[in-house]
Amino acid sequence: LSLVAAASAAPQYVNPAYVRPGYYDPAAYPDTPAKYQFAYEVADAQSGDYHGQQESRDGDVVQGVYSLVEADGTRRIVEYTADVNGFNAVVRKEGTPQAYAPAAVPPAYRPAYRPAYVAPVAPVPVAPVPVAPVANQAYIRY
């Protein structure tokens, strides 16, 4: 009987009601179709890196094109579309292949700097110098 009384006296867990955080406002973020567009171009003569991309999206339809200069000097151009029918890419090449030539002349070889070796010097023992005590030491007040 006392065990039942002790169990019923234990605090009972009450599941609190869920309260949506105050910062969320569904009207401020309506479910609208995605829409964006961007483009960029890179032209680095030192490394020979030339590439770029242009893309746009309106809802579930993405269209774009990207291009790059390959090692043989030709330019690969890929035009693509992605929609409810899947991803479709059309690849074409422009230019004639050339013999490979490095884009930049590598620097001439130089060995890395290495300081000359200096052997450590062994410490020289020094005899302690006796210090004479001061006979009349004046007290300094601050």
N, C-alpha and C. Protein backbone atom coordinates (compact mmCIF):
# COMPACT_ATOMS: atom_id res chain seq x y z
N LEU A 1 0.83 -1.19 0.00
CA LEU A 1 0.00 0.00 0.00
C LEU A 1 0.87 1.26 0.00
N SER A 2 1.93 1.26 0.78
CA SER A 2 2.80 2.45 0.81
C SER A 2 3.56 2.60 -0.51
N LEU A 3 3.83 1.49 -1.20
CA LEU A 3 4.50 1.55 -2.48
C LEU A 3 3.59 2.19 -3.53
N VAL A 4 2.34 1.90 -3.51
CA VAL A 4 1.39 2.50 -4.44
C VAL A 4 1.24 3.98 -4.15
N ALA A 5 1.22 4.33 -2.87
CA ALA A 5 1.09 5.74 -2.50
C ALA A 5 2.33 6.53 -2.94
N ALA A 6 3.51 5.92 -2.83
CA ALA A 6 4.74 6.60 -3.25
C ALA A 6 4.77 6.77 -4.76
N ALA A 7 4.29 5.78 -5.51
CA ALA A 7 4.29 5.87 -6.96
C ALA A 7 3.30 6.94 -7.43
N SER A 8 2.17 7.03 -6.80
CA SER A 8 1.19 8.03 -7.22
C SER A 8 1.61 9.44 -6.80
N ALA A 9 2.52 9.55 -5.82
CA ALA A 9 2.98 10.86 -5.37
C ALA A 9 4.12 11.38 -6.25
N ALA A 10 4.70 10.53 -7.10
CA ALA A 10 5.80 10.96 -7.97
C ALA A 10 5.27 11.96 -8.99
N PRO A 11 6.07 12.91 -9.39
CA PRO A 11 5.61 13.89 -10.36
C PRO A 11 5.28 13.23 -11.69
N GLN A 12 4.26 13.69 -12.32
CA GLN A 12 3.81 13.13 -13.59
C GLN A 12 4.33 14.02 -14.73
N TYR A 13 4.79 13.38 -15.81
CA TYR A 13 5.29 14.11 -16.97
C TYR A 13 4.11 14.55 -17.82
N VAL A 14 4.09 15.82 -18.15
CA VAL A 14 3.05 16.34 -19.02
C VAL A 14 3.72 16.82 -20.30
N ASN A 15 3.29 16.27 -21.43
CA ASN A 15 3.88 16.66 -22.72
C ASN A 15 3.40 18.06 -23.07
N PRO A 16 4.34 19.03 -23.18
CA PRO A 16 3.90 20.39 -23.51
C PRO A 16 3.43 20.47 -24.95
N ALA A 17 2.53 21.35 -25.19
CA ALA A 17 2.02 21.55 -26.55
C ALA A 17 3.09 22.22 -27.39
N TYR A 18 3.21 21.82 -28.65
CA TYR A 18 4.20 22.40 -29.55
C TYR A 18 3.79 23.81 -29.93
N VAL A 19 4.74 24.71 -29.80
CA VAL A 19 4.51 26.10 -30.20
C VAL A 19 5.51 26.41 -31.31
N ARG A 20 4.99 26.81 -32.46
CA ARG A 20 5.86 27.14 -33.60
C ARG A 20 6.68 28.38 -33.23
N PRO A 21 8.00 28.37 -33.55
CA PRO A 21 8.82 29.55 -33.24
C PRO A 21 8.25 30.80 -33.89
N GLY A 22 8.43 31.90 -33.22
CA GLY A 22 7.85 33.15 -33.68
C GLY A 22 8.50 33.73 -34.92
N TYR A 23 9.72 33.29 -35.27
CA TYR A 23 10.40 33.88 -36.41
C TYR A 23 9.89 33.34 -37.74
N TYR A 24 9.15 32.25 -37.76
CA TYR A 24 8.68 31.66 -39.02
C TYR A 24 7.36 32.29 -39.43
N ASP A 25 7.36 32.83 -40.62
CA ASP A 25 6.14 33.42 -41.16
C ASP A 25 5.91 32.83 -42.54
N PRO A 26 4.96 31.89 -42.69
CA PRO A 26 4.75 31.25 -43.98
C PRO A 26 4.41 32.24 -45.09
N ALA A 27 3.77 33.32 -44.76
CA ALA A 27 3.43 34.30 -45.80
C ALA A 27 4.68 35.00 -46.34
N ALA A 28 5.73 35.09 -45.51
CA ALA A 28 6.95 35.76 -45.95
C ALA A 28 7.76 34.88 -46.90
N TYR A 29 7.54 33.57 -46.85
CA TYR A 29 8.28 32.63 -47.70
C TYR A 29 7.30 31.76 -48.49
N PRO A 30 6.65 32.32 -49.48
CA PRO A 30 5.70 31.52 -50.25
C PRO A 30 6.45 30.48 -51.11
N ASP A 31 5.78 29.39 -51.40
CA ASP A 31 6.36 28.35 -52.25
C ASP A 31 6.24 28.77 -53.70
N THR A 32 7.26 29.45 -54.19
CA THR A 32 7.28 29.89 -55.58
C THR A 32 8.32 29.07 -56.33
N PRO A 33 8.16 28.91 -57.62
CA PRO A 33 9.15 28.15 -58.40
C PRO A 33 10.51 28.85 -58.37
N ALA A 34 11.57 28.04 -58.37
CA ALA A 34 12.92 28.59 -58.36
C ALA A 34 13.19 29.34 -59.66
N LYS A 35 13.88 30.46 -59.54
CA LYS A 35 14.21 31.25 -60.73
C LYS A 35 15.54 31.95 -60.47
N TYR A 36 16.51 31.66 -61.34
CA TYR A 36 17.82 32.32 -61.21
C TYR A 36 18.53 32.29 -62.55
N GLN A 37 19.61 33.05 -62.61
CA GLN A 37 20.52 32.99 -63.75
C GLN A 37 21.88 33.48 -63.29
N PHE A 38 22.93 32.90 -63.87
CA PHE A 38 24.29 33.33 -63.54
C PHE A 38 25.20 33.04 -64.73
N ALA A 39 26.35 33.69 -64.71
CA ALA A 39 27.36 33.46 -65.75
C ALA A 39 28.71 33.86 -65.19
N TYR A 40 29.76 33.18 -65.67
CA TYR A 40 31.12 33.57 -65.31
C TYR A 40 32.06 33.15 -66.43
N GLU A 41 33.22 33.77 -66.44
CA GLU A 41 34.23 33.49 -67.45
C GLU A 41 35.60 33.57 -66.79
N VAL A 42 36.49 32.65 -67.09
CA VAL A 42 37.86 32.65 -66.58
C VAL A 42 38.80 32.65 -67.77
N ALA A 43 39.76 33.57 -67.75
CA ALA A 43 40.77 33.64 -68.80
C ALA A 43 42.12 33.88 -68.13
N ASP A 44 42.88 32.81 -67.92
CA ASP A 44 44.17 32.90 -67.24
C ASP A 44 45.27 32.51 -68.23
N ALA A 45 45.93 33.51 -68.80
CA ALA A 45 46.95 33.26 -69.82
C ALA A 45 48.16 32.55 -69.23
N GLN A 46 48.49 32.78 -67.97
CA GLN A 46 49.67 32.18 -67.38
C GLN A 46 49.53 30.67 -67.28
N SER A 47 48.37 30.19 -66.86
CA SER A 47 48.17 28.75 -66.71
C SER A 47 47.51 28.12 -67.94
N GLY A 48 46.97 28.95 -68.83
CA GLY A 48 46.29 28.43 -70.00
C GLY A 48 44.88 27.96 -69.70
N ASP A 49 44.32 28.40 -68.60
CA ASP A 49 42.98 27.99 -68.19
C ASP A 49 41.95 28.98 -68.74
N TYR A 50 41.12 28.49 -69.67
CA TYR A 50 40.05 29.31 -70.24
C TYR A 50 38.77 28.50 -70.16
N HIS A 51 37.83 28.95 -69.39
CA HIS A 51 36.55 28.27 -69.29
C HIS A 51 35.48 29.24 -68.82
N GLY A 52 34.22 28.83 -68.97
CA GLY A 52 33.12 29.68 -68.54
C GLY A 52 31.82 28.89 -68.51
N GLN A 53 30.83 29.47 -67.89
CA GLN A 53 29.52 28.83 -67.79
C GLN A 53 28.45 29.91 -67.73
N GLN A 54 27.29 29.56 -68.28
CA GLN A 54 26.11 30.42 -68.22
C GLN A 54 24.93 29.49 -67.98
N GLU A 55 24.10 29.81 -66.99
CA GLU A 55 22.97 28.94 -66.66
C GLU A 55 21.79 29.78 -66.22
N SER A 56 20.58 29.28 -66.52
CA SER A 56 19.36 29.93 -66.06
C SER A 56 18.36 28.85 -65.68
N ARG A 57 17.52 29.19 -64.73
CA ARG A 57 16.49 28.26 -64.27
C ARG A 57 15.20 29.02 -64.09
N ASP A 58 14.12 28.40 -64.55
CA ASP A 58 12.79 28.95 -64.35
C ASP A 58 11.89 27.77 -64.00
N GLY A 59 11.60 27.63 -62.72
CA GLY A 59 10.82 26.49 -62.25
C GLY A 59 11.62 25.21 -62.34
N ASP A 60 11.08 24.22 -63.08
CA ASP A 60 11.75 22.93 -63.21
C ASP A 60 12.60 22.83 -64.47
N VAL A 61 12.79 23.91 -65.18
CA VAL A 61 13.56 23.89 -66.43
C VAL A 61 14.87 24.63 -66.22
N VAL A 62 15.98 23.90 -66.47
CA VAL A 62 17.32 24.48 -66.36
C VAL A 62 17.95 24.42 -67.74
N GLN A 63 18.49 25.56 -68.17
CA GLN A 63 19.19 25.62 -69.46
C GLN A 63 20.54 26.27 -69.23
N GLY A 64 21.53 25.77 -69.95
CA GLY A 64 22.84 26.36 -69.77
C GLY A 64 23.82 25.93 -70.83
N VAL A 65 24.99 26.54 -70.76
CA VAL A 65 26.08 26.22 -71.67
C VAL A 65 27.38 26.46 -70.91
N TYR A 66 28.33 25.55 -71.11
CA TYR A 66 29.66 25.80 -70.57
C TYR A 66 30.68 25.42 -71.62
N SER A 67 31.84 26.03 -71.50
CA SER A 67 32.90 25.77 -72.48
C SER A 67 34.24 25.77 -71.78
N LEU A 68 35.19 25.06 -72.40
CA LEU A 68 36.54 25.03 -71.86
C LEU A 68 37.50 24.75 -72.99
N VAL A 69 38.74 25.20 -72.83
CA VAL A 69 39.79 24.94 -73.80
C VAL A 69 40.53 23.71 -73.32
N GLU A 70 40.58 22.70 -74.20
CA GLU A 70 41.23 21.45 -73.82
C GLU A 70 42.73 21.54 -74.07
N ALA A 71 43.46 20.52 -73.65
CA ALA A 71 44.92 20.53 -73.75
C ALA A 71 45.40 20.60 -75.19
N ASP A 72 44.61 20.09 -76.13
CA ASP A 72 45.04 20.12 -77.53
C ASP A 72 44.67 21.43 -78.23
N GLY A 73 44.12 22.39 -77.50
CA GLY A 73 43.81 23.70 -78.06
C GLY A 73 42.40 23.84 -78.58
N THR A 74 41.65 22.76 -78.66
CA THR A 74 40.27 22.85 -79.12
C THR A 74 39.38 23.35 -77.99
N ARG A 75 38.24 23.90 -78.37
CA ARG A 75 37.28 24.41 -77.38
C ARG A 75 36.09 23.46 -77.36
N ARG A 76 35.81 22.89 -76.17
CA ARG A 76 34.63 22.03 -76.01
C ARG A 76 33.49 22.90 -75.50
N ILE A 77 32.35 22.80 -76.16
CA ILE A 77 31.16 23.57 -75.78
C ILE A 77 30.04 22.58 -75.50
N VAL A 78 29.46 22.67 -74.33
CA VAL A 78 28.37 21.78 -73.93
C VAL A 78 27.13 22.63 -73.67
N GLU A 79 26.09 22.39 -74.44
CA GLU A 79 24.80 23.05 -74.23
C GLU A 79 23.87 22.02 -73.61
N TYR A 80 23.24 22.37 -72.49
CA TYR A 80 22.42 21.37 -71.79
C TYR A 80 21.08 21.95 -71.38
N THR A 81 20.14 21.02 -71.21
CA THR A 81 18.80 21.34 -70.74
C THR A 81 18.39 20.23 -69.78
N ALA A 82 17.80 20.61 -68.68
CA ALA A 82 17.26 19.64 -67.74
C ALA A 82 15.83 20.07 -67.43
N ASP A 83 14.90 19.14 -67.63
CA ASP A 83 13.49 19.43 -67.36
C ASP A 83 12.81 18.14 -66.92
N VAL A 84 11.49 18.09 -67.03
CA VAL A 84 10.75 16.90 -66.58
C VAL A 84 11.11 15.68 -67.43
N ASN A 85 11.67 15.87 -68.61
CA ASN A 85 12.05 14.76 -69.49
C ASN A 85 13.45 14.24 -69.20
N GLY A 86 14.18 14.88 -68.29
CA GLY A 86 15.53 14.44 -67.94
C GLY A 86 16.58 15.45 -68.36
N PHE A 87 17.83 14.97 -68.41
CA PHE A 87 18.98 15.82 -68.74
C PHE A 87 19.41 15.53 -70.17
N ASN A 88 19.56 16.57 -70.96
CA ASN A 88 19.97 16.43 -72.35
C ASN A 88 21.14 17.36 -72.60
N ALA A 89 22.27 16.81 -73.07
CA ALA A 89 23.45 17.62 -73.34
C ALA A 89 23.89 17.41 -74.78
N VAL A 90 24.25 18.50 -75.43
CA VAL A 90 24.79 18.46 -76.78
C VAL A 90 26.22 18.98 -76.70
N VAL A 91 27.18 18.13 -77.09
CA VAL A 91 28.60 18.48 -77.00
C VAL A 91 29.13 18.71 -78.40
N ARG A 92 29.87 19.81 -78.56
CA ARG A 92 30.52 20.06 -79.85
C ARG A 92 31.91 20.63 -79.58
N LYS A 93 32.78 20.49 -80.60
CA LYS A 93 34.15 20.98 -80.49
C LYS A 93 34.40 22.00 -81.59
N GLU A 94 35.21 23.01 -81.25
CA GLU A 94 35.61 24.02 -82.23
C GLU A 94 37.13 24.06 -82.28
N GLY A 95 37.66 24.31 -83.46
CA GLY A 95 39.10 24.43 -83.63
C GLY A 95 39.73 23.13 -84.07
N THR A 96 41.02 23.22 -84.38
CA THR A 96 41.77 22.04 -84.79
C THR A 96 42.77 21.70 -83.70
N PRO A 97 42.97 20.42 -83.46
CA PRO A 97 43.92 20.03 -82.41
C PRO A 97 45.34 20.50 -82.75
N GLN A 98 46.04 20.97 -81.76
CA GLN A 98 47.42 21.43 -81.89
C GLN A 98 48.32 20.55 -81.05
N ALA A 99 49.60 20.54 -81.37
CA ALA A 99 50.56 19.83 -80.53
C ALA A 99 50.60 20.51 -79.18
N TYR A 100 50.75 19.72 -78.14
CA TYR A 100 50.74 20.27 -76.79
C TYR A 100 51.97 21.15 -76.57
N ALA A 101 51.74 22.32 -76.03
CA ALA A 101 52.82 23.21 -75.61
C ALA A 101 52.45 23.77 -74.26
N PRO A 102 53.35 23.73 -73.30
CA PRO A 102 53.01 24.27 -71.98
C PRO A 102 52.63 25.74 -72.07
N ALA A 103 51.66 26.12 -71.29
CA ALA A 103 51.17 27.50 -71.32
C ALA A 103 52.18 28.47 -70.72
N ALA A 104 52.88 28.05 -69.71
CA ALA A 104 53.83 28.94 -69.05
C ALA A 104 55.19 28.25 -68.99
N VAL A 105 56.25 29.03 -69.07
CA VAL A 105 57.59 28.48 -68.97
C VAL A 105 57.88 28.22 -67.50
N PRO A 106 58.25 26.99 -67.17
CA PRO A 106 58.54 26.73 -65.76
C PRO A 106 59.80 27.48 -65.34
N PRO A 107 59.89 27.87 -64.10
CA PRO A 107 61.08 28.60 -63.63
C PRO A 107 62.31 27.69 -63.67
N ALA A 108 63.45 28.31 -63.87
CA ALA A 108 64.71 27.55 -63.89
C ALA A 108 64.94 26.94 -62.51
N TYR A 109 65.55 25.76 -62.51
CA TYR A 109 65.79 25.07 -61.24
C TYR A 109 66.86 25.78 -60.44
N ARG A 110 66.56 25.98 -59.20
CA ARG A 110 67.53 26.51 -58.24
C ARG A 110 67.40 25.67 -56.99
N PRO A 111 68.51 25.23 -56.44
CA PRO A 111 68.40 24.45 -55.20
C PRO A 111 67.85 25.34 -54.08
N ALA A 112 67.16 24.72 -53.18
CA ALA A 112 66.58 25.45 -52.06
C ALA A 112 67.68 26.01 -51.18
N TYR A 113 67.40 27.12 -50.54
CA TYR A 113 68.36 27.75 -49.64
C TYR A 113 68.64 26.84 -48.46
N ARG A 114 69.89 26.64 -48.16
CA ARG A 114 70.27 25.86 -47.01
C ARG A 114 71.41 26.59 -46.31
N PRO A 115 71.19 27.04 -45.09
CA PRO A 115 72.26 27.78 -44.40
C PRO A 115 73.46 26.87 -44.12
N ALA A 116 74.63 27.49 -44.08
CA ALA A 116 75.85 26.74 -43.77
C ALA A 116 75.77 26.20 -42.35
N TYR A 117 76.31 25.02 -42.15
CA TYR A 117 76.28 24.40 -40.82
C TYR A 117 77.29 25.07 -39.92
N VAL A 118 76.85 25.44 -38.74
CA VAL A 118 77.73 26.02 -37.73
C VAL A 118 77.66 25.11 -36.52
N ALA A 119 78.81 24.55 -36.15
CA ALA A 119 78.84 23.63 -35.01
C ALA A 119 78.54 24.38 -33.73
N PRO A 120 77.79 23.77 -32.83
CA PRO A 120 77.49 24.45 -31.56
C PRO A 120 78.77 24.62 -30.74
N VAL A 121 78.83 25.72 -30.01
CA VAL A 121 79.98 26.03 -29.18
C VAL A 121 79.69 25.56 -27.76
N ALA A 122 80.64 24.83 -27.19
CA ALA A 122 80.46 24.35 -25.82
C ALA A 122 80.57 25.52 -24.86
N PRO A 123 79.73 25.58 -23.85
CA PRO A 123 79.81 26.70 -22.90
C PRO A 123 81.11 26.64 -22.09
N VAL A 124 81.66 27.81 -21.83
CA VAL A 124 82.90 27.91 -21.06
C VAL A 124 82.52 28.19 -19.61
N PRO A 125 82.99 27.36 -18.68
CA PRO A 125 82.62 27.60 -17.28
C PRO A 125 83.26 28.90 -16.78
N VAL A 126 82.49 29.64 -16.02
CA VAL A 126 82.94 30.91 -15.47
C VAL A 126 82.92 30.77 -13.95
N ALA A 127 84.01 31.15 -13.32
CA ALA A 127 84.09 31.09 -11.85
C ALA A 127 83.25 32.21 -11.26
N PRO A 128 82.53 31.92 -10.19
CA PRO A 128 81.72 32.98 -9.57
C PRO A 128 82.61 34.06 -8.97
N VAL A 129 82.15 35.30 -9.05
CA VAL A 129 82.89 36.44 -8.51
C VAL A 129 82.27 36.76 -7.16
N PRO A 130 83.09 36.74 -6.09
CA PRO A 130 82.52 37.06 -4.77
C PRO A 130 82.12 38.54 -4.70
N VAL A 131 81.02 38.80 -4.05
CA VAL A 131 80.53 40.16 -3.89
C VAL A 131 80.63 40.51 -2.41
N ALA A 132 81.26 41.64 -2.11
CA ALA A 132 81.42 42.06 -0.72
C ALA A 132 80.10 42.64 -0.21
N PRO A 133 79.71 42.31 1.00
CA PRO A 133 78.47 42.88 1.54
C PRO A 133 78.63 44.37 1.81
N VAL A 134 77.55 45.09 1.72
CA VAL A 134 77.55 46.53 1.98
C VAL A 134 77.42 46.71 3.49
N ALA A 135 78.36 47.49 4.09
CA ALA A 135 78.39 47.66 5.54
C ALA A 135 77.26 48.55 6.01
N ASN A 136 77.10 49.71 5.45
CA ASN A 136 76.05 50.64 5.86
C ASN A 136 75.03 50.76 4.73
N GLN A 137 74.05 49.95 4.82
CA GLN A 137 73.04 49.97 3.77
C GLN A 137 71.98 50.98 4.14
N ALA A 138 71.76 51.94 3.31
CA ALA A 138 70.76 52.95 3.59
C ALA A 138 69.40 52.45 3.14
N TYR A 139 68.39 52.74 3.95
CA TYR A 139 67.03 52.34 3.60
C TYR A 139 66.42 53.42 2.72
N ILE A 140 65.82 52.99 1.67
CA ILE A 140 65.20 53.93 0.75
C ILE A 140 63.71 53.82 0.96
N ARG A 141 63.09 54.99 1.18
CA ARG A 141 61.65 55.01 1.35
C ARG A 141 61.01 55.58 0.10
N TYR A 142 59.93 55.01 -0.28
CA TYR A 142 59.21 55.47 -1.46
C TYR A 142 57.94 56.15 -1.04
